[in-house]
């Protein structure tokens, strides 16, 4: 196969152009390492309608944004960033629609973004007029790269921008006493900013806003571009949390992006390090590689027994609506939301899952500790039968047996499972397809159930022989009417049970039947009193080959007879 990779040397030589652009705190900030889990949910803020929307190839329409807003409210978000109203007429109209049509629940706070420029701040306050609860989110870039390359300003000049905006926001809010305001400040590109300077500029803003219990201030510390391993971000958060003024009245907020694929880890370690609040999006939608995926962060809490305070119980519906609004696809392996996240194709995994399910049902029905499945799929409206064990050429005996049991009620004998597992693997392999449960049932039925290919039993009557007439254990006599290769025969035989008697009768027919009865199992196929019965029979020929047959009938006797005839038919057809 021709490859497009041109270099024959190992590695990538251009790595030398990159250097570390982040800053460790000036003081040791690693107490978060001693914590092993998060014990309560943070404050959640969805930025789907801002960060998420601006990252779409085709931004959402007004109606789509309204429907998405309702979805976020239904999930349980109490803080929702609705846009940058001074920068976009569409976002301004959306905000006015929310307010004028009274579409914002009383317990939900909307968040709006603004730069530190007077005309933008003025337009922002005009946009939120009439709203009950509003977060005004002020930001300006503070990183070395932004200061030097974009703004070409000194630290003091950058600090003056933030202070100016903070003062303007304070003044405008004082004129709108009917609205409950919360102020938020972000040193944008925080992770590329010297920690002492990030602290200095945040404290300067805090000094102006003077946070108090009834009006706390949010200091949002974004990984605008993810630049470090997650433990570095956590140490940066701990340093800021330990040194911000009025800390008891300051809410430390996290806003990680996913450039390094670590946004969820940044969130989790950042919360351990003192973060009180997280901004992110459903399934991580956002510019470049996206924002922190709040579904994953919340569900990770849930998997540790912590109420996330967000409702993802109808995950398939949330995925469907998200894909509709954004025209984005949730990848099949996306944690919790993806179509395949609970799917096990591997035979060993399937076997462990099936055994774990049975163990839980028998011993720990109120606990969840099933191998390979971190949470109960039912909790987010996924079903075991369709989502957990999926059958393809990599699957094993345990998975197929589990599908037939949970979907169709067949409790396969242990000795039969390997044969059926190999059969399904073979079918999947030659067709290069996954086998749906209905297809598995179809293959199983055609191969094993109520077979009549060569031998068909038309009628059978049984009578128990008196002790004087029975020979050893031959206490049952069977009179049968059977069709063999299209011809009808009346045969009779004796045996130690019904199946043995039928076998001995068939041996008197035109064919030499050299198989011996090996084992027999039965069970009800459904739970109702008039349910059908399933029976399983194994025969073995003189070469040691085993042939299984399955019988289904409302009468357990005829189910067992059907199983025997199926096994005999399979034995002759396999010769």
Protein backbone atom coordinates (compact mmCIF):
# COMPACT_ATOMS: atom_id res chain seq x y z
CA UNK A 1 0.00 0.00 0.00
CA UNK A 2 1.36 3.40 -0.97
CA UNK A 3 1.73 5.82 1.92
CA UNK A 4 1.59 9.60 1.91
CA UNK A 5 4.01 9.82 4.85
CA UNK A 6 7.19 11.04 3.19
CA UNK A 7 9.70 11.07 6.03
CA UNK A 8 11.61 7.83 6.60
CA UNK A 9 13.08 9.04 9.89
CA UNK A 10 11.41 8.51 13.23
CA UNK A 11 9.61 11.46 14.83
CA UNK A 12 8.92 15.00 13.62
CA UNK A 13 11.96 17.22 13.29
CA UNK A 14 10.08 20.54 13.49
CA UNK A 15 9.25 20.07 17.16
CA UNK A 16 12.11 22.42 18.04
CA UNK A 17 10.05 25.46 17.01
CA UNK A 18 7.76 24.99 20.03
CA UNK A 19 8.44 26.08 23.58
CA UNK A 20 6.54 26.12 26.85
CA UNK A 21 4.31 29.20 27.01
CA UNK A 22 2.67 28.78 30.39
CA UNK A 23 3.76 29.79 33.88
CA UNK A 24 3.85 27.82 37.10
CA UNK A 25 2.71 29.60 40.26
CA UNK A 26 5.45 31.35 42.25
CA UNK A 27 4.49 29.39 45.36
CA UNK A 28 3.85 25.67 45.76
CA UNK A 29 0.19 25.02 45.04
CA UNK A 30 -0.35 21.28 45.16
CA UNK A 31 -2.72 20.62 48.06
CA UNK A 32 -5.32 19.49 45.52
CA UNK A 33 -3.22 16.34 45.01
CA UNK A 34 -4.32 15.05 48.41
CA UNK A 35 -7.99 14.90 47.36
CA UNK A 36 -9.21 11.72 45.69
CA UNK A 37 -12.64 12.78 44.46
CA UNK A 38 -15.08 15.66 44.02
CA UNK A 39 -17.83 15.48 46.64
CA UNK A 40 -20.33 17.99 45.25
CA UNK A 41 -21.35 19.46 41.93
CA UNK A 42 -19.94 22.83 40.88
CA UNK A 43 -22.08 25.70 39.65
CA UNK A 44 -22.69 24.97 35.97
CA UNK A 45 -22.81 27.60 33.25
CA UNK A 46 -23.65 26.56 29.70
CA UNK A 47 -21.97 28.59 26.98
CA UNK A 48 -23.55 26.58 24.14
CA UNK A 49 -25.38 29.64 22.83
CA UNK A 50 -22.18 31.69 22.67
CA UNK A 51 -18.97 29.63 22.43
CA UNK A 52 -20.85 26.72 20.93
CA UNK A 53 -22.86 28.77 18.45
CA UNK A 54 -19.94 30.83 17.16
CA UNK A 55 -18.06 27.60 16.41
CA UNK A 56 -20.73 26.27 14.04
CA UNK A 57 -20.28 26.38 10.27
CA UNK A 58 -23.84 27.69 10.06
CA UNK A 59 -24.82 29.43 13.33
CA UNK A 60 -28.21 28.60 14.81
CA UNK A 61 -31.32 30.49 13.76
CA UNK A 62 -33.35 32.44 16.29
CA UNK A 63 -35.86 29.61 16.65
CA UNK A 64 -33.10 27.03 17.08
CA UNK A 65 -31.46 29.14 19.78
CA UNK A 66 -34.79 29.51 21.59
CA UNK A 67 -35.36 25.75 21.48
CA UNK A 68 -31.79 25.10 22.63
CA UNK A 69 -32.28 27.54 25.51
CA UNK A 70 -35.39 25.62 26.59
CA UNK A 71 -33.46 22.35 26.40
CA UNK A 72 -30.70 23.76 28.62
CA UNK A 73 -33.30 24.91 31.14
CA UNK A 74 -34.92 21.46 31.10
CA UNK A 75 -31.55 19.82 31.75
CA UNK A 76 -31.20 22.01 34.82
CA UNK A 77 -28.71 24.75 33.94
CA UNK A 78 -29.25 27.76 36.21
CA UNK A 79 -26.71 29.95 34.44
CA UNK A 80 -26.72 30.23 30.64
CA UNK A 81 -24.54 32.52 28.55
CA UNK A 82 -26.83 33.76 25.80
CA UNK A 83 -24.41 35.78 23.72
CA UNK A 84 -22.49 38.97 23.04
CA UNK A 85 -25.44 41.31 22.40
CA UNK A 86 -23.38 44.41 21.61
CA UNK A 87 -21.34 42.63 18.95
CA UNK A 88 -24.14 40.94 17.00
CA UNK A 89 -27.59 42.11 16.00
CA UNK A 90 -28.79 38.50 15.94
CA UNK A 91 -27.63 37.94 19.51
CA UNK A 92 -29.17 41.24 20.58
CA UNK A 93 -32.54 40.23 19.09
CA UNK A 94 -32.32 36.80 20.69
CA UNK A 95 -31.73 38.33 24.10
CA UNK A 96 -34.59 40.79 23.71
CA UNK A 97 -36.88 37.94 22.63
CA UNK A 98 -36.04 36.01 25.79
CA UNK A 99 -36.74 39.00 28.00
CA UNK A 100 -39.77 40.53 26.27
CA UNK A 101 -41.56 37.20 25.86
CA UNK A 102 -40.78 36.25 29.49
CA UNK A 103 -39.03 33.04 28.42
CA UNK A 104 -36.41 33.04 31.19
CA UNK A 105 -37.41 30.99 34.26
CA UNK A 106 -37.16 32.90 37.54
CA UNK A 107 -34.44 30.58 38.83
CA UNK A 108 -32.27 30.94 35.71
CA UNK A 109 -29.64 33.66 35.31
CA UNK A 110 -28.63 34.74 31.83
CA UNK A 111 -25.03 35.68 31.14
CA UNK A 112 -23.85 38.20 28.55
CA UNK A 113 -20.35 38.92 27.33
CA UNK A 114 -18.76 42.35 26.91
CA UNK A 115 -15.39 43.84 26.14
CA UNK A 116 -13.97 46.69 28.20
CA UNK A 117 -15.16 49.46 25.88
CA UNK A 118 -17.75 52.03 26.93
CA UNK A 119 -20.04 51.89 23.90
CA UNK A 120 -20.10 48.07 24.09
CA UNK A 121 -20.83 48.11 27.82
CA UNK A 122 -23.60 50.67 27.27
CA UNK A 123 -25.21 48.55 24.51
CA UNK A 124 -24.91 45.46 26.72
CA UNK A 125 -26.90 47.06 29.53
CA UNK A 126 -29.52 48.25 27.06
CA UNK A 127 -29.83 44.66 25.83
CA UNK A 128 -30.48 43.21 29.30
CA UNK A 129 -33.02 45.81 30.40
CA UNK A 130 -36.01 44.14 32.00
CA UNK A 131 -34.24 40.88 32.87
CA UNK A 132 -34.49 39.68 36.47
CA UNK A 133 -31.09 37.99 36.93
CA UNK A 134 -28.05 38.81 34.82
CA UNK A 135 -24.33 38.03 34.86
CA UNK A 136 -22.28 40.71 33.11
CA UNK A 137 -19.13 38.99 31.89
CA UNK A 138 -16.22 41.36 31.29
CA UNK A 139 -13.00 40.11 29.67
CA UNK A 140 -9.73 41.27 28.21
CA UNK A 141 -6.66 39.36 27.09
CA UNK A 142 -3.71 39.25 29.48
CA UNK A 143 -1.22 36.69 28.13
CA UNK A 144 2.32 37.50 27.09
CA UNK A 145 1.55 36.61 23.46
CA UNK A 146 -1.56 38.80 23.34
CA UNK A 147 0.14 41.74 25.09
CA UNK A 148 3.19 41.65 22.85
CA UNK A 149 1.77 40.61 19.49
CA UNK A 150 -1.85 41.77 19.37
CA UNK A 151 -2.23 44.79 21.66
CA UNK A 152 1.42 45.81 22.03
CA UNK A 153 0.70 47.16 25.49
CA UNK A 154 2.42 46.95 28.83
CA UNK A 155 1.07 45.13 31.86
CA UNK A 156 -0.13 48.40 33.35
CA UNK A 157 -1.96 49.35 30.16
CA UNK A 158 -3.67 45.93 30.05
CA UNK A 159 -4.60 46.29 33.71
CA UNK A 160 -6.04 49.75 33.04
CA UNK A 161 -8.34 48.26 30.39
CA UNK A 162 -9.77 45.80 32.92
CA UNK A 163 -10.14 48.43 35.65
CA UNK A 164 -11.87 50.84 33.26
CA UNK A 165 -14.40 48.21 32.25
CA UNK A 166 -15.03 47.17 35.84
CA UNK A 167 -15.80 50.78 36.82
CA UNK A 168 -18.14 51.29 33.87
CA UNK A 169 -20.06 48.11 34.66
CA UNK A 170 -20.41 49.13 38.30
CA UNK A 171 -21.81 52.53 37.27
CA UNK A 172 -24.31 51.19 34.72
CA UNK A 173 -25.56 48.48 37.07
CA UNK A 174 -26.22 51.07 39.79
CA UNK A 175 -28.76 52.70 37.44
CA UNK A 176 -30.76 49.48 36.94
CA UNK A 177 -31.87 48.58 40.44
CA UNK A 178 -34.70 46.35 39.21
CA UNK A 179 -32.17 43.78 37.95
CA UNK A 180 -30.13 41.45 40.14
CA UNK A 181 -26.63 41.71 38.69
CA UNK A 182 -23.61 39.47 39.19
CA UNK A 183 -20.28 40.64 37.80
CA UNK A 184 -17.78 38.28 36.19
CA UNK A 185 -14.25 38.99 35.04
CA UNK A 186 -12.03 36.81 32.84
CA UNK A 187 -8.34 37.43 32.25
CA UNK A 188 -8.66 35.90 28.80
CA UNK A 189 -5.73 33.65 27.84
CA UNK A 190 -5.14 33.15 31.56
CA UNK A 191 -3.00 30.04 31.04
CA UNK A 192 -0.43 32.04 29.04
CA UNK A 193 -0.27 34.82 31.65
CA UNK A 194 2.31 35.16 34.41
CA UNK A 195 0.51 34.05 37.57
CA UNK A 196 1.54 37.12 39.58
CA UNK A 197 0.13 39.39 36.88
CA UNK A 198 -3.09 37.36 36.54
CA UNK A 199 -3.56 37.67 40.31
CA UNK A 200 -2.78 41.39 40.28
CA UNK A 201 -5.28 42.23 37.53
CA UNK A 202 -8.05 40.07 39.05
CA UNK A 203 -7.57 41.65 42.47
CA UNK A 204 -7.67 45.12 40.90
CA UNK A 205 -11.08 44.31 39.39
CA UNK A 206 -12.26 42.78 42.66
CA UNK A 207 -11.27 45.95 44.54
CA UNK A 208 -13.63 47.95 42.34
CA UNK A 209 -16.56 45.55 42.57
CA UNK A 210 -16.12 44.92 46.32
CA UNK A 211 -17.83 41.52 46.52
CA UNK A 212 -20.14 40.83 49.43
CA UNK A 213 -22.39 37.93 50.45
CA UNK A 214 -25.42 39.32 48.63
CA UNK A 215 -23.41 40.13 45.50
CA UNK A 216 -20.54 37.76 44.95
CA UNK A 217 -18.08 38.25 42.12
CA UNK A 218 -17.11 35.57 39.60
CA UNK A 219 -13.46 35.36 38.63
CA UNK A 220 -13.31 33.14 35.57
CA UNK A 221 -9.91 31.62 34.80
CA UNK A 222 -10.03 30.26 31.26
CA UNK A 223 -7.69 27.90 29.51
CA UNK A 224 -8.53 29.93 26.41
CA UNK A 225 -5.88 27.84 24.72
CA UNK A 226 -4.94 24.66 26.54
CA UNK A 227 -1.17 24.89 26.94
CA UNK A 228 -0.16 22.52 29.74
CA UNK A 229 -0.80 19.19 31.34
CA UNK A 230 -3.87 19.25 33.63
CA UNK A 231 -1.88 19.27 36.87
CA UNK A 232 -0.32 22.61 35.90
CA UNK A 233 -3.74 24.18 35.37
CA UNK A 234 -4.84 22.81 38.74
CA UNK A 235 -1.83 24.38 40.46
CA UNK A 236 -2.56 27.69 38.74
CA UNK A 237 -6.16 27.53 39.99
CA UNK A 238 -5.07 26.69 43.54
CA UNK A 239 -2.62 29.60 43.58
CA UNK A 240 -5.32 32.02 42.43
CA UNK A 241 -7.91 30.59 44.82
CA UNK A 242 -5.54 30.98 47.75
CA UNK A 243 -4.60 34.56 46.95
CA UNK A 244 -7.67 36.31 45.55
CA UNK A 245 -9.04 39.10 47.72
CA UNK A 246 -12.44 38.70 49.40
CA UNK A 247 -12.14 34.98 48.65
CA UNK A 248 -15.20 34.06 50.74
CA UNK A 249 -17.30 36.20 48.39
CA UNK A 250 -15.51 35.27 45.16
CA UNK A 251 -16.66 32.41 42.95
CA UNK A 252 -13.70 30.88 41.13
CA UNK A 253 -14.85 29.75 37.71
CA UNK A 254 -13.15 27.43 35.21
CA UNK A 255 -13.41 27.63 31.44
CA UNK A 256 -11.10 25.04 29.85
CA UNK A 257 -10.74 24.53 26.13
CA UNK A 258 -9.75 21.20 24.65
CA UNK A 259 -6.72 21.91 22.45
CA UNK A 260 -4.70 19.17 24.18
CA UNK A 261 -7.69 16.87 24.68
CA UNK A 262 -7.62 17.47 28.45
CA UNK A 263 -10.52 19.87 29.05
CA UNK A 264 -12.45 17.40 31.21
CA UNK A 265 -9.34 16.62 33.24
CA UNK A 266 -8.66 20.35 33.59
CA UNK A 267 -12.18 20.78 34.97
CA UNK A 268 -11.92 17.94 37.45
CA UNK A 269 -8.48 18.86 38.77
CA UNK A 270 -9.44 22.54 38.74
CA UNK A 271 -12.43 21.81 40.97
CA UNK A 272 -10.19 19.88 43.36
CA UNK A 273 -7.90 22.91 43.39
CA UNK A 274 -10.61 25.37 44.45
CA UNK A 275 -12.84 25.89 41.42
CA UNK A 276 -16.47 26.57 42.36
CA UNK A 277 -17.97 26.88 38.90
CA UNK A 278 -17.49 25.47 35.39
CA UNK A 279 -18.30 26.99 32.02
CA UNK A 280 -18.61 24.62 29.09
CA UNK A 281 -20.86 23.12 26.46
CA UNK A 282 -22.83 19.97 25.77
CA UNK A 283 -20.50 17.38 24.22
CA UNK A 284 -17.68 19.94 24.14
CA UNK A 285 -18.72 21.91 21.06
CA UNK A 286 -16.58 25.01 20.61
CA UNK A 287 -13.92 26.57 18.44
CA UNK A 288 -10.87 24.53 17.43
CA UNK A 289 -11.09 21.29 19.42
CA UNK A 290 -13.91 22.63 21.56
CA UNK A 291 -14.79 23.52 25.12
CA UNK A 292 -15.05 21.33 28.19
CA UNK A 293 -17.76 18.71 27.72
CA UNK A 294 -20.18 19.35 30.58
CA UNK A 295 -22.01 16.08 29.92
CA UNK A 296 -18.85 14.13 30.66
CA UNK A 297 -17.86 16.22 33.69
CA UNK A 298 -21.36 15.90 35.18
CA UNK A 299 -21.71 12.20 34.44
CA UNK A 300 -18.26 11.50 35.87
CA UNK A 301 -19.55 12.95 39.14
CA UNK A 302 -22.65 10.78 38.86
CA UNK A 303 -20.52 7.66 38.38
CA UNK A 304 -18.90 8.43 41.77
CA UNK A 305 -22.25 8.67 43.53
CA UNK A 306 -22.50 12.48 43.44
CA UNK A 307 -25.68 14.22 42.26
CA UNK A 308 -24.51 16.41 39.36
CA UNK A 309 -27.56 18.69 39.66
CA UNK A 310 -28.10 18.29 35.92
CA UNK A 311 -30.57 15.84 34.40
CA UNK A 312 -29.23 13.57 31.66
CA UNK A 313 -31.72 10.75 32.27
CA UNK A 314 -32.96 11.01 28.68
CA UNK A 315 -29.57 11.05 27.01
CA UNK A 316 -30.78 9.82 23.59
CA UNK A 317 -33.22 12.73 23.38
CA UNK A 318 -30.55 15.26 24.40
CA UNK A 319 -28.20 13.86 21.75
CA UNK A 320 -30.95 14.03 19.15
CA UNK A 321 -31.81 17.67 19.96
CA UNK A 322 -28.16 18.71 20.14
CA UNK A 323 -27.50 17.23 16.70
CA UNK A 324 -30.62 18.91 15.33
CA UNK A 325 -29.73 22.38 16.65
CA UNK A 326 -26.02 22.33 15.80
CA UNK A 327 -25.88 20.05 12.75
CA UNK A 328 -22.98 18.40 14.57
CA UNK A 329 -22.69 14.68 15.27
CA UNK A 330 -22.01 13.17 18.67
CA UNK A 331 -19.21 10.66 17.92
CA UNK A 332 -20.14 7.02 18.61
CA UNK A 333 -17.41 6.76 21.28
CA UNK A 334 -18.19 10.11 22.96
CA UNK A 335 -18.36 9.39 26.72
CA UNK A 336 -21.90 8.68 27.93
CA UNK A 337 -23.67 10.15 24.88
CA UNK A 338 -22.13 8.14 22.04
CA UNK A 339 -24.05 5.29 20.43
CA UNK A 340 -21.33 2.72 21.19
CA UNK A 341 -20.11 3.77 24.63
CA UNK A 342 -21.74 0.79 26.34
CA UNK A 343 -21.21 -1.64 23.48
CA UNK A 344 -18.96 -4.64 24.03
CA UNK A 345 -17.96 -6.67 20.98
CA UNK A 346 -15.07 -8.57 22.58
CA UNK A 347 -15.96 -12.10 23.65
CA UNK A 348 -14.16 -11.90 26.99
CA UNK A 349 -15.79 -8.57 27.80
CA UNK A 350 -19.21 -9.90 26.89
CA UNK A 351 -18.77 -12.94 29.07
CA UNK A 352 -17.72 -10.81 32.05
CA UNK A 353 -20.62 -8.39 31.53
CA UNK A 354 -23.18 -11.19 31.26
CA UNK A 355 -21.87 -12.83 34.44
CA UNK A 356 -21.76 -9.47 36.20
CA UNK A 357 -25.37 -8.76 35.28
CA UNK A 358 -26.48 -12.10 36.68
CA UNK A 359 -24.42 -11.60 39.84
CA UNK A 360 -25.95 -8.17 40.41
CA UNK A 361 -29.47 -9.52 39.90
CA UNK A 362 -28.86 -12.31 42.39
CA UNK A 363 -26.75 -10.62 45.09
CA UNK A 364 -26.61 -6.80 44.73
CA UNK A 365 -29.68 -5.49 42.88
CA UNK A 366 -29.34 -2.05 44.50
CA UNK A 367 -25.65 -1.61 43.64
CA UNK A 368 -23.82 -1.15 40.37
CA UNK A 369 -20.40 -2.70 39.91
CA UNK A 370 -20.69 -4.56 36.60
CA UNK A 371 -17.40 -5.28 34.79
CA UNK A 372 -16.65 -2.96 31.87
CA UNK A 373 -19.83 -0.88 32.29
CA UNK A 374 -19.12 2.12 34.58
CA UNK A 375 -22.75 3.24 34.98
CA UNK A 376 -26.12 1.58 34.59
CA UNK A 377 -27.22 2.35 31.01
CA UNK A 378 -30.84 2.45 32.18
CA UNK A 379 -30.02 5.59 34.19
CA UNK A 380 -29.63 7.55 30.96
CA UNK A 381 -32.38 5.76 29.02
CA UNK A 382 -30.14 3.29 27.25
CA UNK A 383 -31.08 -0.40 27.20
CA UNK A 384 -28.89 -3.41 27.83
CA UNK A 385 -30.39 -5.42 25.01
CA UNK A 386 -29.56 -2.89 22.29
CA UNK A 387 -26.58 -1.05 23.73
CA UNK A 388 -24.42 -3.23 25.94
CA UNK A 389 -23.59 -6.49 24.15
CA UNK A 390 -23.23 -6.23 20.39
CA UNK A 391 -22.36 -9.22 18.24
CA UNK A 392 -19.77 -9.29 15.47
CA UNK A 393 -16.84 -11.47 14.42
CA UNK A 394 -14.98 -10.58 17.65
CA UNK A 395 -17.77 -11.73 19.94
CA UNK A 396 -17.89 -14.86 22.06
CA UNK A 397 -20.21 -17.41 23.55
CA UNK A 398 -21.21 -15.30 26.53
CA UNK A 399 -22.42 -12.39 24.44
CA UNK A 400 -24.60 -14.46 22.12
CA UNK A 401 -26.08 -16.36 25.06
CA UNK A 402 -26.81 -13.07 26.80
CA UNK A 403 -28.59 -11.66 23.73
CA UNK A 404 -30.74 -14.77 23.34
CA UNK A 405 -31.59 -14.77 27.04
CA UNK A 406 -32.34 -11.09 27.65
CA UNK A 407 -34.14 -10.47 24.36
CA UNK A 408 -35.89 -13.76 23.69
CA UNK A 409 -35.89 -15.83 26.88
CA UNK A 410 -33.58 -18.67 25.82
CA UNK A 411 -31.40 -19.96 28.67
CA UNK A 412 -28.83 -21.88 26.69
CA UNK A 413 -27.11 -24.83 28.35
CA UNK A 414 -23.51 -23.97 29.18
CA UNK A 415 -22.23 -26.75 26.93
CA UNK A 416 -24.16 -25.35 23.96
CA UNK A 417 -22.98 -21.74 24.16
CA UNK A 418 -19.56 -22.14 22.57
CA UNK A 419 -20.98 -23.81 19.47
CA UNK A 420 -23.57 -21.06 18.97
CA UNK A 421 -20.98 -18.37 19.65
CA UNK A 422 -18.73 -19.72 16.88
CA UNK A 423 -21.71 -19.94 14.52
CA UNK A 424 -22.59 -16.27 15.01
CA UNK A 425 -18.96 -15.18 14.69
CA UNK A 426 -18.70 -17.09 11.41
CA UNK A 427 -21.84 -15.47 9.97
CA UNK A 428 -20.68 -12.00 11.02
CA UNK A 429 -17.18 -12.61 9.64
CA UNK A 430 -18.20 -13.76 6.17
CA UNK A 431 -20.77 -10.95 5.86
CA UNK A 432 -18.56 -8.28 7.48
CA UNK A 433 -21.54 -7.08 9.48
CA UNK A 434 -22.69 -6.70 13.04
CA UNK A 435 -25.57 -9.04 13.90
CA UNK A 436 -28.66 -7.39 15.35
CA UNK A 437 -30.59 -9.35 18.01
CA UNK A 438 -33.36 -10.18 15.54
CA UNK A 439 -30.80 -11.57 13.08
CA UNK A 440 -29.22 -13.67 15.84
CA UNK A 441 -32.63 -15.09 16.68
CA UNK A 442 -33.29 -15.83 13.01
CA UNK A 443 -29.98 -17.71 12.60
CA UNK A 444 -30.51 -19.58 15.87
CA UNK A 445 -34.06 -20.57 14.94
CA UNK A 446 -33.20 -21.80 11.46
CA UNK A 447 -30.23 -23.80 12.67
CA UNK A 448 -31.59 -25.35 15.88
CA UNK A 449 -35.32 -24.92 16.51
CA UNK A 450 -38.05 -27.43 15.54
CA UNK A 451 -36.10 -28.83 12.60
CA UNK A 452 -38.01 -31.12 10.15
CA UNK A 453 -35.56 -31.40 7.26
CA UNK A 454 -35.29 -35.20 7.05
CA UNK A 455 -37.24 -36.54 10.02
CA UNK A 456 -40.66 -35.20 10.97
CA UNK A 457 -42.66 -36.61 13.85
CA UNK A 458 -46.37 -36.53 13.01
CA UNK A 459 -47.73 -38.24 16.13
CA UNK A 460 -46.56 -39.98 19.27
CA UNK A 461 -48.37 -41.85 22.01
CA UNK A 462 -46.73 -43.12 25.18
CA UNK A 463 -47.65 -45.73 27.70
CA UNK A 464 -45.91 -46.83 30.87
CA UNK A 465 -45.18 -50.55 30.85
CA UNK A 466 -46.05 -52.75 33.83
CA UNK A 467 -43.03 -53.85 35.83
CA UNK A 468 -43.37 -57.41 34.52
CA UNK A 469 -43.10 -56.22 30.89
CA UNK A 470 -40.33 -53.65 31.32
CA UNK A 471 -36.82 -54.78 30.55
CA UNK A 472 -34.42 -53.20 33.00
CA UNK A 473 -35.01 -49.48 32.70
CA UNK A 474 -37.17 -49.73 29.58
CA UNK A 475 -40.38 -48.61 31.26
CA UNK A 476 -41.88 -46.42 28.48
CA UNK A 477 -43.21 -47.55 25.13
CA UNK A 478 -43.64 -45.04 22.27
CA UNK A 479 -45.79 -45.55 19.19
CA UNK A 480 -44.88 -42.93 16.61
CA UNK A 481 -45.89 -41.83 13.16
CA UNK A 482 -42.92 -40.28 11.41
CA UNK A 483 -42.09 -39.01 7.96
CA UNK A 484 -38.59 -39.86 6.77
CA UNK A 485 -37.49 -38.41 3.45
CA UNK A 486 -41.14 -37.95 2.48
CA UNK A 487 -42.31 -41.46 3.38
CA UNK A 488 -44.54 -42.25 6.35
CA UNK A 489 -43.61 -44.93 8.88
CA UNK A 490 -45.41 -46.37 11.91
CA UNK A 491 -42.73 -47.33 14.42
CA UNK A 492 -42.61 -48.49 18.00
CA UNK A 493 -39.86 -48.57 20.61
CA UNK A 494 -39.21 -48.94 24.31
CA UNK A 495 -36.90 -46.90 26.55
CA UNK A 496 -36.21 -45.55 29.98
CA UNK A 497 -38.07 -42.35 29.12
CA UNK A 498 -40.04 -40.77 26.31
CA UNK A 499 -37.01 -39.52 24.36
CA UNK A 500 -35.17 -42.82 24.71
CA UNK A 501 -38.27 -44.70 23.55
CA UNK A 502 -38.60 -42.47 20.46
CA UNK A 503 -34.92 -42.95 19.67
CA UNK A 504 -35.30 -46.75 19.81
CA UNK A 505 -38.39 -46.53 17.61
CA UNK A 506 -36.51 -44.48 15.00
CA UNK A 507 -33.70 -47.05 14.99
CA UNK A 508 -36.21 -49.47 13.48
CA UNK A 509 -36.66 -47.15 10.51
CA UNK A 510 -34.83 -47.23 7.17
CA UNK A 511 -31.76 -45.29 8.38
CA UNK A 512 -29.06 -46.37 10.75
CA UNK A 513 -29.14 -43.95 13.66
CA UNK A 514 -25.84 -44.31 15.46
CA UNK A 515 -26.30 -41.32 17.81
CA UNK A 516 -26.77 -41.62 21.53
CA UNK A 517 -28.77 -39.30 23.74
CA UNK A 518 -26.41 -37.19 25.92
CA UNK A 519 -28.29 -34.53 27.86
CA UNK A 520 -31.56 -32.70 28.18
CA UNK A 521 -32.61 -29.36 29.69
CA UNK A 522 -35.85 -27.41 29.70
CA UNK A 523 -37.40 -24.17 30.93
CA UNK A 524 -40.40 -21.91 30.38
CA UNK A 525 -39.75 -19.43 27.59
CA UNK A 526 -42.02 -16.76 29.07
CA UNK A 527 -43.19 -16.04 32.60
CA UNK A 528 -46.95 -16.35 31.99
CA UNK A 529 -48.79 -19.50 33.10
CA UNK A 530 -49.67 -20.39 29.49
CA UNK A 531 -46.16 -19.73 28.22
CA UNK A 532 -44.30 -21.85 25.74
CA UNK A 533 -41.60 -24.25 26.87
CA UNK A 534 -38.09 -24.51 25.47
CA UNK A 535 -36.17 -27.79 25.53
CA UNK A 536 -32.56 -28.54 24.60
CA UNK A 537 -31.27 -31.99 23.57
CA UNK A 538 -27.72 -33.07 22.76
CA UNK A 539 -26.89 -36.20 20.75
CA UNK A 540 -23.42 -37.67 20.19
CA UNK A 541 -22.32 -39.93 17.33
CA UNK A 542 -19.70 -42.69 17.50
CA UNK A 543 -17.00 -40.24 16.38
CA UNK A 544 -17.70 -38.05 19.38
CA UNK A 545 -19.44 -35.25 17.48
CA UNK A 546 -22.21 -33.50 19.44
CA UNK A 547 -25.41 -32.28 17.82
CA UNK A 548 -27.76 -29.92 19.61
CA UNK A 549 -31.42 -29.45 18.94
CA UNK A 550 -33.96 -27.02 20.40
CA UNK A 551 -37.69 -27.59 20.67
CA UNK A 552 -40.44 -25.04 21.29
CA UNK A 553 -44.05 -25.95 22.15
CA UNK A 554 -46.81 -25.00 24.56
CA UNK A 555 -46.51 -28.55 25.99
CA UNK A 556 -43.16 -29.39 27.57
CA UNK A 557 -43.41 -33.01 26.40
CA UNK A 558 -43.74 -31.96 22.76
CA UNK A 559 -41.05 -29.31 23.23
CA UNK A 560 -38.64 -32.06 24.29
CA UNK A 561 -39.71 -34.28 21.38
CA UNK A 562 -39.18 -31.36 18.97
CA UNK A 563 -35.71 -30.79 20.44
CA UNK A 564 -34.83 -34.46 19.93
CA UNK A 565 -36.01 -34.40 16.32
CA UNK A 566 -34.04 -31.20 15.69
CA UNK A 567 -30.87 -32.80 17.05
CA UNK A 568 -31.39 -35.92 14.90
CA UNK A 569 -32.02 -33.84 11.79
CA UNK A 570 -28.87 -31.78 12.41
CA UNK A 571 -26.85 -34.96 12.98
CA UNK A 572 -27.85 -36.46 9.64
CA UNK A 573 -27.46 -33.23 7.72
CA UNK A 574 -23.99 -32.60 9.17
CA UNK A 575 -22.68 -36.00 7.98
